[in-house]
């Protein structure tokens, strides 16, 4: 069986598996997925109501749903996006931003896991190679945010850790170099100071001082690092990565600045988010869900179900479209707000459990 997420999910979806978390149940994810696809523009190959990198996350959210649920009705969306956008910008879903490129790398790794299409994996590999070409020793290491090399930020480096570690488990002998690079960037990120005393990740480094710029602790920065650490664990078997991930997840799920009355709330929601912000919370819960699945006690199931139930009850239209504010009321609906809702609902679904599907952080 091909290594990767599809193989892992097949291992836990076998007959006779036991569903974990069968107390409170999350709302169904399928209606939100159907609504997300209704927003997709087949002619352009993206979601026209949101941005380029947000569409990568919509592809990833849709693919994760298909992997987890076994409902493969929408593989045509992946095929269409790949065909329509493969030659955009620099080609191979690469542009001048290393974070944009990283989102597409992760989307095509997931698409490979679902379909086995080697073109998807090779496209992701080219994207990750491009990201690495923007790494140097300034501020002790790490990747630059853009090809102009003016800012070293958290998200580009977190995405590289995750994508490179994911490639390491899918490329055979060629994966060793990607694992080494992922470890190098994680070691640098830990030492960079971007993870603050509250165990929350700030946006980046001050270019003049190479110190934490104390900029906003966006939810997606708290999430992608969890996915990166899970990927490092899967590539190495080293439980210290899960221990670090759990410490970070405990901090972010309890952070007062990221919640209002217990509901996950993006910092920009108080004043108005730009085109980027509506995707952030979905990315956070997608990666929190990945961590929750791999930990033997699934410590974040209740949190995810509570968030999903709140959004379903207070932030959903009659057409199963979701807005920005999970606590409600529904305001603007677009591809990014819907992607976040799909990520949330998928992450909150019951976890099929077999003896091999989850691990303890005590090992």
Foldseek 3Di string as FASTA:
>chain_A
DADADLVLLVVLPDPPFDWPPPPDFFDDLVLLLVVLVVQADLVQLFRVQFDQLLRLLLLQLNLLCCSNVVDPPPLVSVVSNCVRPQPPDVGLQDHFFLLSLLSNLNSLLSNCSRPVPVVSNVSSVVSLVVQVVQWDCQLHIAGAGGPVRQFGWQRSLLSLLLSLLSVLSRPPPVSPVSLVVSVVSVVSVVVQAQLDPLRAGATGADNVPSHHPPHDRFLLSLQSNLSSLLSNCVNPVDLVSLVSNVSSVVSVQPPPCQDDPSEGAGNCVVPHDDSPRLQRLLNRLLRLLVSLFAAPVSVCLVSLSVLSVCQVVAAADPSRFGARGSNDDHDDTGSRNSSSNSSSSSSNHTHGDDPPRYDHSVD
